Amino acid sequence: SYELSSIRGKIKRLEARLAELDALEAAKEATAESMKFDGGEILKNAEENRLQIIFDNIPDAALRQELKSHGFRWSPKNKAWQRQLTRDAEWAAKKILGIE
């Protein structure tokens, strides 16, 4: 009885993980969305599962500190401030940049 319950739990976890991976794959196939703002662009990079903020010029120290306090990190590889692509990340980016 215990083994059967254990196997059922494993099956449910695997099914949930497969659904999650399918959703990520579907998001990768979607085109990257972007939103322009005065001084840069917010890019939803589904392929890397990141919300990226690309500035035209280097942001001032206060703005960089605000980005860091909301979980954004500088990516030298992508030349963008980024964090994991979530609704909270979108909300934080819009709040920091004063959009909407």
PDB file of N, CA and C in Angstrom:
ATOM      1  N   SER A   1       0.834  -1.194   0.000  1.00  0.00           N
ATOM      2  CA  SER A   1       0.000   0.000   0.000  1.00  0.00           C
ATOM      3  C   SER A   1       0.874   1.252   0.000  1.00  0.00           C
ATOM      4  N   TYR A   2       1.953   1.235   0.812  1.00  0.00           N
ATOM      5  CA  TYR A   2       2.844   2.394   0.879  1.00  0.00           C
ATOM      6  C   TYR A   2       3.530   2.627  -0.469  1.00  0.00           C
ATOM      7  N   GLU A   3       4.008   1.544  -1.095  1.00  0.00           N
ATOM      8  CA  GLU A   3       4.691   1.671  -2.383  1.00  0.00           C
ATOM      9  C   GLU A   3       3.753   2.231  -3.440  1.00  0.00           C
ATOM     10  N   LEU A   4       2.513   1.806  -3.424  1.00  0.00           N
ATOM     11  CA  LEU A   4       1.529   2.286  -4.391  1.00  0.00           C
ATOM     12  C   LEU A   4       1.293   3.786  -4.217  1.00  0.00           C
ATOM     13  N   SER A   5       1.181   4.243  -2.988  1.00  0.00           N
ATOM     14  CA  SER A   5       1.012   5.671  -2.718  1.00  0.00           C
ATOM     15  C   SER A   5       2.243   6.454  -3.173  1.00  0.00           C
ATOM     16  N   SER A   6       3.401   5.892  -2.920  1.00  0.00           N
ATOM     17  CA  SER A   6       4.646   6.537  -3.310  1.00  0.00           C
ATOM     18  C   SER A   6       4.731   6.676  -4.830  1.00  0.00           C
ATOM     19  N   ILE A   7       4.375   5.630  -5.527  1.00  0.00           N
ATOM     20  CA  ILE A   7       4.412   5.654  -6.995  1.00  0.00           C
ATOM     21  C   ILE A   7       3.400   6.654  -7.535  1.00  0.00           C
ATOM     22  N   ARG A   8       2.197   6.705  -6.960  1.00  0.00           N
ATOM     23  CA  ARG A   8       1.195   7.687  -7.394  1.00  0.00           C
ATOM     24  C   ARG A   8       1.712   9.109  -7.221  1.00  0.00           C
ATOM     25  N   GLY A   9       2.372   9.369  -6.102  1.00  0.00           N
ATOM     26  CA  GLY A   9       2.951  10.694  -5.848  1.00  0.00           C
ATOM     27  C   GLY A   9       4.008  11.050  -6.873  1.00  0.00           C
ATOM     28  N   LYS A  10       4.854  10.093  -7.199  1.00  0.00           N
ATOM     29  CA  LYS A  10       5.893  10.320  -8.197  1.00  0.00           C
ATOM     30  C   LYS A  10       5.274  10.615  -9.563  1.00  0.00           C
ATOM     31  N   ILE A  11       4.241   9.870  -9.909  1.00  0.00           N
ATOM     32  CA  ILE A  11       3.568  10.088 -11.195  1.00  0.00           C
ATOM     33  C   ILE A  11       2.973  11.486 -11.251  1.00  0.00           C
ATOM     34  N   LYS A  12       2.321  11.915 -10.183  1.00  0.00           N
ATOM     35  CA  LYS A  12       1.721  13.259 -10.159  1.00  0.00           C
ATOM     36  C   LYS A  12       2.783  14.336 -10.283  1.00  0.00           C
ATOM     37  N   ARG A  13       3.915  14.164  -9.593  1.00  0.00           N
ATOM     38  CA  ARG A  13       5.002  15.159  -9.684  1.00  0.00           C
ATOM     39  C   ARG A  13       5.566  15.211 -11.096  1.00  0.00           C
ATOM     40  N   LEU A  14       5.737  14.052 -11.719  1.00  0.00           N
ATOM     41  CA  LEU A  14       6.260  14.017 -13.084  1.00  0.00           C
ATOM     42  C   LEU A  14       5.282  14.641 -14.071  1.00  0.00           C
ATOM     43  N   GLU A  15       3.992  14.373 -13.903  1.00  0.00           N
ATOM     44  CA  GLU A  15       2.995  14.986 -14.787  1.00  0.00           C
ATOM     45  C   GLU A  15       2.986  16.503 -14.639  1.00  0.00           C
ATOM     46  N   ALA A  16       3.108  16.989 -13.411  1.00  0.00           N
ATOM     47  CA  ALA A  16       3.145  18.434 -13.175  1.00  0.00           C
ATOM     48  C   ALA A  16       4.389  19.042 -13.810  1.00  0.00           C
ATOM     49  N   ARG A  17       5.523  18.375 -13.674  1.00  0.00           N
ATOM     50  CA  ARG A  17       6.768  18.879 -14.267  1.00  0.00           C
ATOM     51  C   ARG A  17       6.689  18.890 -15.786  1.00  0.00           C
ATOM     52  N   LEU A  18       6.095  17.851 -16.376  1.00  0.00           N
ATOM     53  CA  LEU A  18       5.935  17.809 -17.830  1.00  0.00           C
ATOM     54  C   LEU A  18       5.038  18.953 -18.317  1.00  0.00           C
ATOM     55  N   ALA A  19       3.969  19.228 -17.585  1.00  0.00           N
ATOM     56  CA  ALA A  19       3.087  20.339 -17.950  1.00  0.00           C
ATOM     57  C   ALA A  19       3.834  21.661 -17.874  1.00  0.00           C
ATOM     58  N   GLU A  20       4.672  21.805 -16.847  1.00  0.00           N
ATOM     59  CA  GLU A  20       5.475  23.023 -16.695  1.00  0.00           C
ATOM     60  C   GLU A  20       6.456  23.178 -17.859  1.00  0.00           C
ATOM     61  N   LEU A  21       7.114  22.086 -18.242  1.00  0.00           N
ATOM     62  CA  LEU A  21       8.055  22.134 -19.358  1.00  0.00           C
ATOM     63  C   LEU A  21       7.350  22.415 -20.674  1.00  0.00           C
ATOM     64  N   ASP A  22       6.145  21.865 -20.860  1.00  0.00           N
ATOM     65  CA  ASP A  22       5.363  22.160 -22.060  1.00  0.00           C
ATOM     66  C   ASP A  22       5.011  23.636 -22.138  1.00  0.00           C
ATOM     67  N   ALA A  23       4.644  24.227 -21.004  1.00  0.00           N
ATOM     68  CA  ALA A  23       4.314  25.650 -20.973  1.00  0.00           C
ATOM     69  C   ALA A  23       5.541  26.492 -21.300  1.00  0.00           C
ATOM     70  N   LEU A  24       6.702  26.118 -20.780  1.00  0.00           N
ATOM     71  CA  LEU A  24       7.932  26.840 -21.092  1.00  0.00           C
ATOM     72  C   LEU A  24       8.275  26.724 -22.571  1.00  0.00           C
ATOM     73  N   GLU A  25       8.094  25.553 -23.137  1.00  0.00           N
ATOM     74  CA  GLU A  25       8.380  25.343 -24.554  1.00  0.00           C
ATOM     75  C   GLU A  25       7.444  26.185 -25.424  1.00  0.00           C
ATOM     76  N   ALA A  26       6.180  26.250 -25.041  1.00  0.00           N
ATOM     77  CA  ALA A  26       5.224  27.066 -25.787  1.00  0.00           C
ATOM     78  C   ALA A  26       5.594  28.542 -25.691  1.00  0.00           C
ATOM     79  N   ALA A  27       6.061  28.972 -24.534  1.00  0.00           N
ATOM     80  CA  ALA A  27       6.467  30.367 -24.353  1.00  0.00           C
ATOM     81  C   ALA A  27       7.696  30.683 -25.201  1.00  0.00           C
ATOM     82  N   LYS A  28       8.602  29.729 -25.347  1.00  0.00           N
ATOM     83  CA  LYS A  28       9.790  29.948 -26.163  1.00  0.00           C
ATOM     84  C   LYS A  28       9.421  30.130 -27.625  1.00  0.00           C
ATOM     85  N   GLU A  29       8.404  29.409 -28.068  1.00  0.00           N
ATOM     86  CA  GLU A  29       7.980  29.498 -29.457  1.00  0.00           C
ATOM     87  C   GLU A  29       7.291  30.826 -29.761  1.00  0.00           C
ATOM     88  N   ALA A  30       6.733  31.451 -28.746  1.00  0.00           N
ATOM     89  CA  ALA A  30       6.099  32.752 -28.935  1.00  0.00           C
ATOM     90  C   ALA A  30       7.188  33.788 -29.207  1.00  0.00           C
ATOM     91  N   THR A  31       6.837  34.803 -29.944  1.00  0.00           N
ATOM     92  CA  THR A  31       7.811  35.844 -30.252  1.00  0.00           C
ATOM     93  C   THR A  31       8.097  36.674 -29.006  1.00  0.00           C
ATOM     94  N   ALA A  32       9.277  37.226 -28.953  1.00  0.00           N
ATOM     95  CA  ALA A  32       9.664  38.062 -27.815  1.00  0.00           C
ATOM     96  C   ALA A  32       8.873  39.369 -27.871  1.00  0.00           C
ATOM     97  N   GLU A  33       8.269  39.715 -26.744  1.00  0.00           N
ATOM     98  CA  GLU A  33       7.512  40.959 -26.656  1.00  0.00           C
ATOM     99  C   GLU A  33       8.411  42.037 -26.086  1.00  0.00           C
ATOM    100  N   SER A  34       8.200  43.267 -26.526  1.00  0.00           N
ATOM    101  CA  SER A  34       8.972  44.358 -25.962  1.00  0.00           C
ATOM    102  C   SER A  34       8.086  45.577 -25.779  1.00  0.00           C
ATOM    103  N   MET A  35       8.486  46.421 -24.849  1.00  0.00           N
ATOM    104  CA  MET A  35       7.757  47.645 -24.560  1.00  0.00           C
ATOM    105  C   MET A  35       8.787  48.765 -24.469  1.00  0.00           C
ATOM    106  N   LYS A  36       8.639  49.754 -25.310  1.00  0.00           N
ATOM    107  CA  LYS A  36       9.559  50.892 -25.299  1.00  0.00           C
ATOM    108  C   LYS A  36       9.156  51.865 -24.200  1.00  0.00           C
ATOM    109  N   PHE A  37      10.150  52.506 -23.609  1.00  0.00           N
ATOM    110  CA  PHE A  37       9.922  53.598 -22.671  1.00  0.00           C
ATOM    111  C   PHE A  37      10.985  54.651 -22.945  1.00  0.00           C
ATOM    112  N   ASP A  38      10.800  55.820 -22.397  1.00  0.00           N
ATOM    113  CA  ASP A  38      11.742  56.903 -22.621  1.00  0.00           C
ATOM    114  C   ASP A  38      13.095  56.542 -22.027  1.00  0.00           C
ATOM    115  N   GLY A  39      14.060  56.213 -22.873  1.00  0.00           N
ATOM    116  CA  GLY A  39      15.392  55.872 -22.404  1.00  0.00           C
ATOM    117  C   GLY A  39      15.737  54.403 -22.515  1.00  0.00           C
ATOM    118  N   GLY A  40      14.853  53.590 -23.087  1.00  0.00           N
ATOM    119  CA  GLY A  40      15.181  52.168 -23.227  1.00  0.00           C
ATOM    120  C   GLY A  40      14.012  51.301 -23.628  1.00  0.00           C
ATOM    121  N   GLU A  41      14.112  50.038 -23.232  1.00  0.00           N
ATOM    122  CA  GLU A  41      13.130  49.043 -23.657  1.00  0.00           C
ATOM    123  C   GLU A  41      13.043  47.924 -22.619  1.00  0.00           C
ATOM    124  N   ILE A  42      11.825  47.424 -22.405  1.00  0.00           N
ATOM    125  CA  ILE A  42      11.607  46.243 -21.572  1.00  0.00           C
ATOM    126  C   ILE A  42      11.351  45.086 -22.527  1.00  0.00           C
ATOM    127  N   LEU A  43      12.105  44.012 -22.383  1.00  0.00           N
ATOM    128  CA  LEU A  43      12.008  42.875 -23.293  1.00  0.00           C
ATOM    129  C   LEU A  43      11.642  41.615 -22.518  1.00  0.00           C
ATOM    130  N   LYS A  44      10.575  40.932 -22.952  1.00  0.00           N
ATOM    131  CA  LYS A  44      10.220  39.629 -22.383  1.00  0.00           C
ATOM    132  C   LYS A  44      10.929  38.571 -23.218  1.00  0.00           C
ATOM    133  N   ASN A  45      12.009  38.033 -22.690  1.00  0.00           N
ATOM    134  CA  ASN A  45      12.805  37.045 -23.398  1.00  0.00           C
ATOM    135  C   ASN A  45      12.391  35.653 -22.916  1.00  0.00           C
ATOM    136  N   ALA A  46      11.409  35.073 -23.594  1.00  0.00           N
ATOM    137  CA  ALA A  46      10.880  33.773 -23.189  1.00  0.00           C
ATOM    138  C   ALA A  46      11.903  32.661 -23.389  1.00  0.00           C
ATOM    139  N   GLU A  47      12.776  32.811 -24.371  1.00  0.00           N
ATOM    140  CA  GLU A  47      13.771  31.783 -24.641  1.00  0.00           C
ATOM    141  C   GLU A  47      14.701  31.586 -23.443  1.00  0.00           C
ATOM    142  N   GLU A  48      15.073  32.686 -22.789  1.00  0.00           N
ATOM    143  CA  GLU A  48      15.930  32.603 -21.609  1.00  0.00           C
ATOM    144  C   GLU A  48      15.135  32.697 -20.314  1.00  0.00           C
ATOM    145  N   ASN A  49      13.805  32.821 -20.426  1.00  0.00           N
ATOM    146  CA  ASN A  49      12.911  32.954 -19.277  1.00  0.00           C
ATOM    147  C   ASN A  49      13.326  34.145 -18.401  1.00  0.00           C
ATOM    148  N   ARG A  50      13.563  35.288 -19.054  1.00  0.00           N
ATOM    149  CA  ARG A  50      14.005  36.492 -18.366  1.00  0.00           C
ATOM    150  C   ARG A  50      13.225  37.716 -18.836  1.00  0.00           C
ATOM    151  N   LEU A  51      12.983  38.620 -17.893  1.00  0.00           N
ATOM    152  CA  LEU A  51      12.483  39.950 -18.224  1.00  0.00           C
ATOM    153  C   LEU A  51      13.713  40.844 -18.210  1.00  0.00           C
ATOM    154  N   GLN A  52      13.990  41.482 -19.332  1.00  0.00           N
ATOM    155  CA  GLN A  52      15.210  42.261 -19.462  1.00  0.00           C
ATOM    156  C   GLN A  52      14.873  43.733 -19.677  1.00  0.00           C
ATOM    157  N   ILE A  53      15.617  44.597 -18.995  1.00  0.00           N
ATOM    158  CA  ILE A  53      15.486  46.039 -19.192  1.00  0.00           C
ATOM    159  C   ILE A  53      16.781  46.505 -19.834  1.00  0.00           C
ATOM    160  N   ILE A  54      16.647  47.050 -21.037  1.00  0.00           N
ATOM    161  CA  ILE A  54      17.802  47.521 -21.783  1.00  0.00           C
ATOM    162  C   ILE A  54      17.725  49.044 -21.844  1.00  0.00           C
ATOM    163  N   PHE A  55      18.719  49.699 -21.280  1.00  0.00           N
ATOM    164  CA  PHE A  55      18.758  51.161 -21.251  1.00  0.00           C
ATOM    165  C   PHE A  55      19.615  51.680 -22.399  1.00  0.00           C
ATOM    166  N   ASP A  56      19.253  52.871 -22.913  1.00  0.00           N
ATOM    167  CA  ASP A  56      20.057  53.520 -23.950  1.00  0.00           C
ATOM    168  C   ASP A  56      21.390  53.988 -23.368  1.00  0.00           C
ATOM    169  N   ASN A  57      21.347  54.497 -22.142  1.00  0.00           N
ATOM    170  CA  ASN A  57      22.541  54.978 -21.437  1.00  0.00           C
ATOM    171  C   ASN A  57      22.613  54.295 -20.073  1.00  0.00           C
ATOM    172  N   ILE A  58      23.747  54.384 -19.426  1.00  0.00           N
ATOM    173  CA  ILE A  58      23.912  53.791 -18.101  1.00  0.00           C
ATOM    174  C   ILE A  58      22.988  54.518 -17.120  1.00  0.00           C
ATOM    175  N   PRO A  59      22.130  53.770 -16.393  1.00  0.00           N
ATOM    176  CA  PRO A  59      21.245  54.428 -15.424  1.00  0.00           C
ATOM    177  C   PRO A  59      22.043  54.975 -14.234  1.00  0.00           C
ATOM    178  N   ASP A  60      21.487  55.994 -13.585  1.00  0.00           N
ATOM    179  CA  ASP A  60      22.192  56.590 -12.441  1.00  0.00           C
ATOM    180  C   ASP A  60      22.205  55.616 -11.258  1.00  0.00           C
ATOM    181  N   ALA A  61      23.004  55.954 -10.260  1.00  0.00           N
ATOM    182  CA  ALA A  61      23.207  55.062  -9.107  1.00  0.00           C
ATOM    183  C   ALA A  61      21.908  54.764  -8.368  1.00  0.00           C
ATOM    184  N   ALA A  62      21.033  55.770  -8.231  1.00  0.00           N
ATOM    185  CA  ALA A  62      19.766  55.571  -7.517  1.00  0.00           C
ATOM    186  C   ALA A  62      18.883  54.564  -8.250  1.00  0.00           C
ATOM    187  N   LEU A  63      18.826  54.659  -9.571  1.00  0.00           N
ATOM    188  CA  LEU A  63      18.006  53.729 -10.363  1.00  0.00           C
ATOM    189  C   LEU A  63      18.608  52.329 -10.320  1.00  0.00           C
ATOM    190  N   ARG A  64      19.920  52.232 -10.374  1.00  0.00           N
ATOM    191  CA  ARG A  64      20.561  50.913 -10.278  1.00  0.00           C
ATOM    192  C   ARG A  64      20.265  50.266  -8.932  1.00  0.00           C
ATOM    193  N   GLN A  65      20.300  51.060  -7.869  1.00  0.00           N
ATOM    194  CA  GLN A  65      19.993  50.532  -6.538  1.00  0.00           C
ATOM    195  C   GLN A  65      18.541  50.070  -6.460  1.00  0.00           C
ATOM    196  N   GLU A  66      17.635  50.835  -7.074  1.00  0.00           N
ATOM    197  CA  GLU A  66      16.213  50.463  -7.105  1.00  0.00           C
ATOM    198  C   GLU A  66      16.025  49.145  -7.860  1.00  0.00           C
ATOM    199  N   LEU A  67      16.715  48.991  -8.979  1.00  0.00           N
ATOM    200  CA  LEU A  67      16.642  47.740  -9.740  1.00  0.00           C
ATOM    201  C   LEU A  67      17.128  46.560  -8.897  1.00  0.00           C
ATOM    202  N   LYS A  68      18.254  46.751  -8.218  1.00  0.00           N
ATOM    203  CA  LYS A  68      18.802  45.681  -7.374  1.00  0.00           C
ATOM    204  C   LYS A  68      17.845  45.314  -6.245  1.00  0.00           C
ATOM    205  N   SER A  69      17.211  46.332  -5.654  1.00  0.00           N
ATOM    206  CA  SER A  69      16.314  46.062  -4.523  1.00  0.00           C
ATOM    207  C   SER A  69      15.051  45.320  -4.953  1.00  0.00           C
ATOM    208  N   HIS A  70      14.744  45.349  -6.246  1.00  0.00           N
ATOM    209  CA  HIS A  70      13.578  44.620  -6.768  1.00  0.00           C
ATOM    210  C   HIS A  70      13.986  43.328  -7.482  1.00  0.00           C
ATOM    211  N   GLY A  71      15.215  42.868  -7.249  1.00  0.00           N
ATOM    212  CA  GLY A  71      15.631  41.556  -7.748  1.00  0.00           C
ATOM    213  C   GLY A  71      16.258  41.545  -9.126  1.00  0.00           C
ATOM    214  N   PHE A  72      16.453  42.693  -9.742  1.00  0.00           N
ATOM    215  CA  PHE A  72      17.093  42.730 -11.059  1.00  0.00           C
ATOM    216  C   PHE A  72      18.606  42.674 -10.877  1.00  0.00           C
ATOM    217  N   ARG A  73      19.271  41.974 -11.772  1.00  0.00           N
ATOM    218  CA  ARG A  73      20.728  41.867 -11.742  1.00  0.00           C
ATOM    219  C   ARG A  73      21.266  42.213 -13.121  1.00  0.00           C
ATOM    220  N   TRP A  74      22.460  42.790 -13.133  1.00  0.00           N
ATOM    221  CA  TRP A  74      23.098  43.161 -14.393  1.00  0.00           C
ATOM    222  C   TRP A  74      23.662  41.912 -15.062  1.00  0.00           C
ATOM    223  N   SER A  75      23.375  41.751 -16.344  1.00  0.00           N
ATOM    224  CA  SER A  75      23.905  40.641 -17.117  1.00  0.00           C
ATOM    225  C   SER A  75      24.865  41.200 -18.168  1.00  0.00           C
ATOM    226  N   PRO A  76      26.172  41.055 -17.956  1.00  0.00           N
ATOM    227  CA  PRO A  76      27.123  41.546 -18.950  1.00  0.00           C
ATOM    228  C   PRO A  76      26.959  40.834 -20.298  1.00  0.00           C
ATOM    229  N   LYS A  77      26.596  39.555 -20.252  1.00  0.00           N
ATOM    230  CA  LYS A  77      26.414  38.775 -21.477  1.00  0.00           C
ATOM    231  C   LYS A  77      25.301  39.373 -22.345  1.00  0.00           C
ATOM    232  N   ASN A  78      24.165  39.727 -21.722  1.00  0.00           N
ATOM    233  CA  ASN A  78      23.016  40.263 -22.457  1.00  0.00           C
ATOM    234  C   ASN A  78      22.987  41.784 -22.481  1.00  0.00           C
ATOM    235  N   LYS A  79      23.886  42.407 -21.724  1.00  0.00           N
ATOM    236  CA  LYS A  79      23.937  43.864 -21.605  1.00  0.00           C
ATOM    237  C   LYS A  79      22.569  44.426 -21.224  1.00  0.00           C
ATOM    238  N   ALA A  80      21.994  43.796 -20.178  1.00  0.00           N
ATOM    239  CA  ALA A  80      20.657  44.182 -19.723  1.00  0.00           C
ATOM    240  C   ALA A  80      20.513  43.893 -18.236  1.00  0.00           C
ATOM    241  N   TRP A  81      19.623  44.640 -17.603  1.00  0.00           N
ATOM    242  CA  TRP A  81      19.205  44.327 -16.236  1.00  0.00           C
ATOM    243  C   TRP A  81      18.104  43.299 -16.386  1.00  0.00           C
ATOM    244  N   GLN A  82      18.173  42.203 -15.639  1.00  0.00           N
ATOM    245  CA  GLN A  82      17.199  41.139 -15.850  1.00  0.00           C
ATOM    246  C   GLN A  82      16.884  40.396 -14.572  1.00  0.00           C
ATOM    247  N   ARG A  83      15.741  39.705 -14.621  1.00  0.00           N
ATOM    248  CA  ARG A  83      15.360  38.752 -13.587  1.00  0.00           C
ATOM    249  C   ARG A  83      14.415  37.751 -14.224  1.00  0.00           C
ATOM    250  N   GLN A  84      14.042  36.722 -13.484  1.00  0.00           N
ATOM    251  CA  GLN A  84      13.185  35.672 -14.031  1.00  0.00           C
ATOM    252  C   GLN A  84      11.881  36.273 -14.525  1.00  0.00           C
ATOM    253  N   LEU A  85      11.399  35.772 -15.640  1.00  0.00           N
ATOM    254  CA  LEU A  85      10.191  36.283 -16.281  1.00  0.00           C
ATOM    255  C   LEU A  85       8.948  35.827 -15.513  1.00  0.00           C
ATOM    256  N   THR A  86       8.382  36.751 -14.728  1.00  0.00           N
ATOM    257  CA  THR A  86       7.150  36.502 -13.982  1.00  0.00           C
ATOM    258  C   THR A  86       6.290  37.757 -14.042  1.00  0.00           C
ATOM    259  N   ARG A  87       5.046  37.623 -13.595  1.00  0.00           N
ATOM    260  CA  ARG A  87       4.166  38.804 -13.525  1.00  0.00           C
ATOM    261  C   ARG A  87       4.723  39.822 -12.532  1.00  0.00           C
ATOM    262  N   ASP A  88       5.289  39.325 -11.431  1.00  0.00           N
ATOM    263  CA  ASP A  88       5.875  40.229 -10.438  1.00  0.00           C
ATOM    264  C   ASP A  88       7.039  41.020 -11.032  1.00  0.00           C
ATOM    265  N   ALA A  89       7.828  40.379 -11.887  1.00  0.00           N
ATOM    266  CA  ALA A  89       8.952  41.078 -12.524  1.00  0.00           C
ATOM    267  C   ALA A  89       8.434  42.194 -13.424  1.00  0.00           C
ATOM    268  N   GLU A  90       7.363  41.910 -14.174  1.00  0.00           N
ATOM    269  CA  GLU A  90       6.772  42.942 -15.036  1.00  0.00           C
ATOM    270  C   GLU A  90       6.247  44.097 -14.193  1.00  0.00           C
ATOM    271  N   TRP A  91       5.566  43.770 -13.108  1.00  0.00           N
ATOM    272  CA  TRP A  91       5.025  44.809 -12.226  1.00  0.00           C
ATOM    273  C   TRP A  91       6.149  45.670 -11.658  1.00  0.00           C
ATOM    274  N   ALA A  92       7.227  45.015 -11.183  1.00  0.00           N
ATOM    275  CA  ALA A  92       8.350  45.738 -10.591  1.00  0.00           C
ATOM    276  C   ALA A  92       9.020  46.655 -11.613  1.00  0.00           C
ATOM    277  N   ALA A  93       9.207  46.160 -12.825  1.00  0.00           N
ATOM    278  CA  ALA A  93       9.853  46.974 -13.873  1.00  0.00           C
ATOM    279  C   ALA A  93       9.012  48.200 -14.175  1.00  0.00           C
ATOM    280  N   LYS A  94       7.709  48.026 -14.305  1.00  0.00           N
ATOM    281  CA  LYS A  94       6.839  49.153 -14.602  1.00  0.00           C
ATOM    282  C   LYS A  94       6.826  50.148 -13.442  1.00  0.00           C
ATOM    283  N   LYS A  95       6.851  49.647 -12.213  1.00  0.00           N
ATOM    284  CA  LYS A  95       6.859  50.520 -11.034  1.00  0.00           C
ATOM    285  C   LYS A  95       8.148  51.333 -10.986  1.00  0.00           C
ATOM    286  N   ILE A  96       9.278  50.673 -11.180  1.00  0.00           N
ATOM    287  CA  ILE A  96      10.569  51.342 -11.127  1.00  0.00           C
ATOM    288  C   ILE A  96      10.683  52.420 -12.199  1.00  0.00           C
ATOM    289  N   LEU A  97      10.196  52.094 -13.399  1.00  0.00           N
ATOM    290  CA  LEU A  97      10.347  53.014 -14.531  1.00  0.00           C
ATOM    291  C   LEU A  97       9.196  54.004 -14.645  1.00  0.00           C
ATOM    292  N   GLY A  98       8.172  53.872 -13.794  1.00  0.00           N
ATOM    293  CA  GLY A  98       7.050  54.807 -13.815  1.00  0.00           C
ATOM    294  C   GLY A  98       6.154  54.652 -15.027  1.00  0.00           C
ATOM    295  N   ILE A  99       6.010  53.414 -15.488  1.00  0.00           N
ATOM    296  CA  ILE A  99       5.152  53.131 -16.640  1.00  0.00           C
ATOM    297  C   ILE A  99       3.782  52.697 -16.128  1.00  0.00           C
ATOM    298  N   GLU A 100       2.727  53.257 -16.684  1.00  0.00           N
ATOM    299  CA  GLU A 100       1.327  52.961 -16.350  1.00  0.00           C
ATOM    300  C   GLU A 100       1.050  53.270 -14.945  1.00  0.00           C
TER     301      GLU A 100
END
